[in-house]
Amino acid sequence: MEIYQLRQFAAVAKTENMTRAAQSLSMAQPAVSKTIRNLESELGAELFERTGKGLRRTKQGDILLRYARAILNAELDARREIEESLHRAGGLCICALSCVERLSDILAGFAAEYGNADFRIGSTPEGSDLLLDSAVSLDEVPAGAEVLFDEEICIAVPDGHRFADCGAVSLTELADDPFIALSGSESFQQVSEHIFRSAGIAMHAAIECDSLALQSRLLSCGMGIALAAAGEWRQLCEEGSVHLLHIRDAECRRYIYVQQLSRFETHSMRAFRAFLRRYFSEIG
């Protein structure tokens, strides 16, 4: 049994389809099929059942997958530890489900302090080294994750809005206002839904946009109101085009955290986490 066989087996187990597994590995499908047949022959057991929709792991396939994941993770750890021992920082893959608008400043600040690093920005936690995300309460922060910052979620209204000069407002008072939703961030969508549930009303988005920059322009033009993380909107409020109001009738904080996803912590990961602590402490 070879590492390459386990890697191909794990890809088939993930996709439950030989063709998609081969594509994910940049291989020809017959070669992957042959690897699975050879593994089944060596182990004397079928690893997959063929169904009308694709493949399904057998009990023996589940057993092998458990060990395959452990072996492949150990191989990755070994490579990273050897890189560390040779004083090579190696690459760093970061998945930012929250704080996307801050990520360019974070990476630029880190590069200025530590020198350029081999960064990759992942779109999903899978395969990433670090996850930067947020939760609506401390209870929802994953075990082992480090809380970096917490901030209030406010209602952003344009200059001239009827509540613009009020310090606080209830969501129920704004039920009929057009709401501009930030659809590009699944994490912030979850925060928004939680806040509206806390207030006991449904969220009805009149406009959806996929970036904070576009959302801020729409707000400044008087196209509606929006939920806003206070820290990210501080500069905008200083310009006076948008006003942030406290929300009276809902739980309105989010907790930004970093979570290590890879098993082995490299020097780059330690340095980046230390930089994140300093970055968010300065914001606070």
Protein backbone atom coordinates (compact mmCIF):
# COMPACT_ATOMS: atom_id res chain seq x y z
CA MET A 1 0.00 0.00 0.00
CA GLU A 2 1.51 3.30 -1.12
CA ILE A 3 0.85 6.92 -0.20
CA TYR A 4 -0.27 7.74 -3.73
CA GLN A 5 -2.86 4.97 -3.55
CA LEU A 6 -4.27 6.32 -0.30
CA ARG A 7 -4.38 9.83 -1.74
CA GLN A 8 -6.38 8.60 -4.74
CA PHE A 9 -8.63 6.49 -2.52
CA ALA A 10 -9.34 9.51 -0.29
CA ALA A 11 -10.25 11.59 -3.34
CA VAL A 12 -12.69 8.94 -4.55
CA ALA A 13 -14.16 8.63 -1.05
CA LYS A 14 -14.70 12.40 -0.94
CA THR A 15 -16.30 12.80 -4.37
CA GLU A 16 -17.99 9.36 -4.54
CA ASN A 17 -17.25 9.51 -8.25
CA MET A 18 -14.22 8.20 -10.17
CA THR A 19 -14.32 10.91 -12.84
CA ARG A 20 -14.56 13.82 -10.40
CA ALA A 21 -11.85 12.28 -8.22
CA ALA A 22 -9.55 11.96 -11.23
CA GLN A 23 -10.22 15.60 -12.19
CA SER A 24 -9.41 16.79 -8.66
CA LEU A 25 -6.09 14.91 -8.88
CA SER A 26 -5.37 16.03 -12.47
CA MET A 27 -5.23 12.38 -13.51
CA ALA A 28 -6.90 10.16 -16.05
CA GLN A 29 -9.98 8.34 -14.75
CA PRO A 30 -8.78 4.83 -15.80
CA ALA A 31 -5.61 5.25 -13.72
CA VAL A 32 -7.63 6.07 -10.61
CA SER A 33 -10.00 3.16 -11.24
CA LYS A 34 -7.00 0.83 -11.56
CA THR A 35 -5.59 2.09 -8.24
CA ILE A 36 -8.87 1.34 -6.46
CA ARG A 37 -9.05 -2.14 -8.02
CA ASN A 38 -5.48 -2.85 -6.93
CA LEU A 39 -6.24 -1.73 -3.37
CA GLU A 40 -9.35 -3.90 -3.25
CA SER A 41 -7.35 -6.86 -4.55
CA GLU A 42 -4.56 -6.34 -2.02
CA LEU A 43 -6.98 -5.99 0.90
CA GLY A 44 -9.35 -8.71 -0.27
CA ALA A 45 -12.37 -6.47 0.22
CA GLU A 46 -14.56 -4.15 -1.81
CA LEU A 47 -14.06 -0.53 -0.77
CA PHE A 48 -16.99 0.93 -2.71
CA GLU A 49 -20.43 -0.18 -3.78
CA ARG A 50 -21.49 0.92 -7.24
CA THR A 51 -24.88 2.66 -7.18
CA GLY A 52 -26.98 4.37 -9.81
CA LYS A 53 -25.76 7.78 -8.62
CA GLY A 54 -22.09 6.90 -8.21
CA LEU A 55 -20.15 5.17 -5.45
CA ARG A 56 -20.81 4.50 -1.78
CA ARG A 57 -18.19 3.36 0.70
CA THR A 58 -18.53 -0.09 2.18
CA LYS A 59 -17.82 -0.80 5.85
CA GLN A 60 -14.29 -1.76 4.82
CA GLY A 61 -14.01 1.48 2.84
CA ASP A 62 -14.94 3.45 5.97
CA ILE A 63 -12.22 1.66 7.93
CA LEU A 64 -9.57 2.37 5.30
CA LEU A 65 -10.64 6.01 5.01
CA ARG A 66 -10.14 6.53 8.74
CA TYR A 67 -6.56 5.25 8.52
CA ALA A 68 -5.90 6.94 5.16
CA ARG A 69 -6.75 10.35 6.60
CA ALA A 70 -4.45 9.76 9.57
CA ILE A 71 -1.59 8.63 7.29
CA LEU A 72 -2.01 11.51 4.84
CA ASN A 73 -2.16 14.03 7.69
CA ALA A 74 0.99 12.49 9.18
CA GLU A 75 2.75 12.77 5.82
CA LEU A 76 1.82 16.46 5.59
CA ASP A 77 2.98 17.05 9.17
CA ALA A 78 6.29 15.36 8.41
CA ARG A 79 6.89 17.57 5.39
CA ARG A 80 6.06 20.72 7.31
CA GLU A 81 8.22 19.78 10.29
CA ILE A 82 11.16 19.05 8.01
CA GLU A 83 10.65 22.43 6.30
CA GLU A 84 10.57 24.01 9.76
CA SER A 85 13.80 22.24 10.77
CA LEU A 86 15.48 23.59 7.63
CA HIS A 87 14.38 27.13 8.58
CA ARG A 88 12.07 27.40 5.59
CA ALA A 89 8.81 29.06 6.51
CA GLY A 90 6.77 27.24 3.88
CA GLY A 91 3.42 28.39 2.56
CA LEU A 92 0.40 29.50 4.53
CA CYS A 93 -3.17 29.01 3.38
CA ILE A 94 -5.74 31.25 5.08
CA CYS A 95 -9.51 30.95 4.79
CA ALA A 96 -11.20 34.24 5.77
CA LEU A 97 -14.94 33.80 6.19
CA SER A 98 -15.04 37.01 8.23
CA CYS A 99 -12.98 40.20 8.09
CA VAL A 100 -12.50 39.86 4.33
CA GLU A 101 -12.40 43.65 3.98
CA ARG A 102 -9.56 43.79 6.51
CA LEU A 103 -7.55 40.97 4.97
CA SER A 104 -5.51 43.13 2.58
CA ASP A 105 -4.41 45.38 5.47
CA ILE A 106 -3.60 42.33 7.59
CA LEU A 107 -1.48 40.69 4.89
CA ALA A 108 0.28 43.94 4.02
CA GLY A 109 1.05 44.61 7.69
CA PHE A 110 2.36 41.10 8.19
CA ALA A 111 4.58 41.34 5.08
CA ALA A 112 5.96 44.69 6.24
CA GLU A 113 6.93 43.21 9.59
CA TYR A 114 8.06 39.69 8.62
CA GLY A 115 8.85 39.98 4.92
CA ASN A 116 6.91 38.53 2.02
CA ALA A 117 5.38 35.12 2.68
CA ASP A 118 3.91 32.50 0.38
CA PHE A 119 0.22 33.14 1.09
CA ARG A 120 -2.74 31.36 -0.42
CA ILE A 121 -6.27 32.55 0.28
CA GLY A 122 -8.65 29.60 0.47
CA SER A 123 -12.38 29.89 -0.22
CA THR A 124 -13.27 27.02 2.13
CA PRO A 125 -11.80 25.79 5.43
CA GLU A 126 -10.91 22.43 3.87
CA GLY A 127 -7.23 22.38 2.98
CA SER A 128 -6.52 25.67 4.78
CA ASP A 129 -4.06 26.13 7.63
CA LEU A 130 -5.90 28.89 9.48
CA LEU A 131 -9.54 29.95 9.57
CA LEU A 132 -10.53 33.55 10.31
CA ASP A 133 -14.23 33.60 11.14
CA SER A 134 -16.78 35.01 13.57
CA ALA A 135 -19.52 33.75 15.85
CA VAL A 136 -22.59 35.42 17.35
CA SER A 137 -21.72 34.28 20.88
CA LEU A 138 -18.75 32.89 22.79
CA ASP A 139 -20.59 29.57 23.07
CA GLU A 140 -20.43 29.19 19.29
CA VAL A 141 -16.67 29.76 19.02
CA PRO A 142 -15.13 26.35 18.16
CA ALA A 143 -13.12 24.56 20.82
CA GLY A 144 -9.44 25.42 20.52
CA ALA A 145 -10.07 28.61 18.55
CA GLU A 146 -8.69 31.94 19.84
CA VAL A 147 -11.00 34.94 20.11
CA LEU A 148 -9.19 37.98 18.73
CA PHE A 149 -11.80 40.70 18.89
CA ASP A 150 -15.44 41.36 19.56
CA GLU A 151 -17.42 44.22 18.12
CA GLU A 152 -20.90 45.60 18.13
CA ILE A 153 -23.17 45.15 15.14
CA CYS A 154 -25.10 48.35 14.50
CA ILE A 155 -27.69 49.63 12.07
CA ALA A 156 -26.19 51.86 9.40
CA VAL A 157 -28.49 54.58 8.05
CA PRO A 158 -27.70 57.29 5.49
CA ASP A 159 -27.36 60.96 6.31
CA GLY A 160 -30.84 62.49 6.35
CA HIS A 161 -32.58 59.32 7.52
CA ARG A 162 -35.36 59.95 10.05
CA PHE A 163 -33.35 58.18 12.78
CA ALA A 164 -29.92 59.49 11.73
CA ASP A 165 -29.58 61.74 14.79
CA CYS A 166 -30.78 59.11 17.27
CA GLY A 167 -28.24 57.17 19.25
CA ALA A 168 -30.22 53.94 19.17
CA VAL A 169 -33.17 52.38 17.38
CA SER A 170 -35.22 49.18 17.41
CA LEU A 171 -35.27 46.88 14.41
CA THR A 172 -39.05 46.81 14.66
CA GLU A 173 -39.06 50.58 14.01
CA LEU A 174 -37.19 49.92 10.76
CA ALA A 175 -39.28 47.00 9.55
CA ASP A 176 -40.55 48.91 6.49
CA ASP A 177 -37.17 50.34 5.44
CA PRO A 178 -35.41 48.77 2.44
CA PHE A 179 -32.60 46.57 3.75
CA ILE A 180 -29.29 46.20 1.91
CA ALA A 181 -27.91 42.71 2.61
CA LEU A 182 -24.27 41.69 2.27
CA SER A 183 -24.65 38.47 0.29
CA GLY A 184 -20.94 37.95 -0.38
CA SER A 185 -20.23 36.84 3.20
CA GLU A 186 -21.94 33.68 4.45
CA SER A 187 -20.54 34.36 7.91
CA PHE A 188 -22.05 37.86 8.10
CA GLN A 189 -25.32 36.55 6.69
CA GLN A 190 -25.50 34.18 9.66
CA VAL A 191 -24.82 37.07 12.04
CA SER A 192 -27.56 39.12 10.35
CA GLU A 193 -30.10 36.31 10.54
CA HIS A 194 -29.29 35.79 14.24
CA ILE A 195 -29.85 39.49 15.00
CA PHE A 196 -33.19 39.59 13.22
CA ARG A 197 -34.30 36.39 14.97
CA SER A 198 -33.34 37.97 18.32
CA ALA A 199 -35.59 40.91 17.49
CA GLY A 200 -38.41 38.57 16.52
CA ILE A 201 -38.77 39.80 12.96
CA ALA A 202 -37.88 38.38 9.55
CA MET A 203 -35.12 39.83 7.42
CA HIS A 204 -36.34 40.91 3.96
CA ALA A 205 -33.56 42.16 1.74
CA ALA A 206 -34.59 44.74 -0.85
CA ILE A 207 -31.05 44.81 -2.30
CA GLU A 208 -28.27 42.23 -2.14
CA CYS A 209 -24.65 43.03 -2.91
CA ASP A 210 -21.46 41.04 -2.59
CA SER A 211 -19.01 43.59 -1.19
CA LEU A 212 -18.83 46.03 1.70
CA ALA A 213 -17.61 48.77 -0.64
CA LEU A 214 -20.72 48.51 -2.83
CA GLN A 215 -22.97 48.28 0.23
CA SER A 216 -21.46 51.48 1.63
CA ARG A 217 -21.98 53.32 -1.67
CA LEU A 218 -25.62 52.22 -1.81
CA LEU A 219 -26.09 53.42 1.78
CA SER A 220 -24.47 56.75 1.05
CA CYS A 221 -26.84 57.20 -1.88
CA GLY A 222 -29.84 56.67 0.40
CA MET A 223 -30.86 53.34 -1.15
CA GLY A 224 -31.61 51.71 2.20
CA ILE A 225 -30.25 50.68 5.59
CA ALA A 226 -27.92 47.83 6.60
CA LEU A 227 -26.37 45.97 9.49
CA ALA A 228 -22.76 47.01 9.96
CA ALA A 229 -19.84 45.83 12.06
CA ALA A 230 -18.85 48.94 14.00
CA GLY A 231 -15.09 48.50 13.58
CA GLU A 232 -15.20 48.13 9.81
CA TRP A 233 -17.42 51.19 9.40
CA ARG A 234 -15.56 53.57 11.67
CA GLN A 235 -13.96 55.54 8.84
CA LEU A 236 -17.22 55.80 6.95
CA CYS A 237 -18.99 57.24 9.99
CA GLU A 238 -16.28 59.86 10.39
CA GLU A 239 -17.01 61.07 6.88
CA GLY A 240 -20.61 61.70 7.95
CA SER A 241 -22.30 59.97 5.01
CA VAL A 242 -23.47 57.07 7.17
CA HIS A 243 -24.60 56.98 10.80
CA LEU A 244 -24.26 53.92 13.05
CA LEU A 245 -27.03 53.37 15.56
CA HIS A 246 -27.14 50.98 18.51
CA ILE A 247 -29.84 48.30 18.24
CA ARG A 248 -32.12 48.12 21.27
CA ASP A 249 -34.11 44.95 20.65
CA ALA A 250 -31.55 42.29 19.62
CA GLU A 251 -28.26 40.62 20.61
CA CYS A 252 -25.77 42.50 18.48
CA ARG A 253 -22.15 41.44 18.86
CA ARG A 254 -19.86 39.22 16.88
CA TYR A 255 -16.73 37.46 18.08
CA ILE A 256 -13.88 37.23 15.59
CA TYR A 257 -11.63 34.23 16.07
CA VAL A 258 -8.75 32.39 14.46
CA GLN A 259 -8.69 28.60 14.39
CA GLN A 260 -5.78 26.39 13.44
CA LEU A 261 -6.94 23.75 10.98
CA SER A 262 -3.69 22.01 10.10
CA ARG A 263 -2.20 19.60 12.60
CA PHE A 264 1.35 20.96 12.62
CA GLU A 265 1.95 24.59 13.53
CA THR A 266 4.77 26.13 11.48
CA HIS A 267 6.80 29.21 12.29
CA SER A 268 4.73 31.17 9.75
CA MET A 269 1.51 30.16 11.46
CA ARG A 270 2.80 31.15 14.90
CA ALA A 271 4.04 34.47 13.55
CA PHE A 272 0.78 35.18 11.73
CA ARG A 273 -1.33 34.41 14.79
CA ALA A 274 0.87 36.69 16.90
CA PHE A 275 0.44 39.43 14.30
CA LEU A 276 -3.34 38.96 14.32
CA ARG A 277 -3.37 39.45 18.11
CA ARG A 278 -1.49 42.72 17.80
CA TYR A 279 -3.56 43.90 14.84
CA PHE A 280 -6.88 43.43 16.61
CA SER A 281 -5.61 44.73 19.95
CA GLU A 282 -4.70 48.00 18.19
CA ILE A 283 -8.19 48.21 16.69
CA GLY A 284 -9.67 47.74 20.14
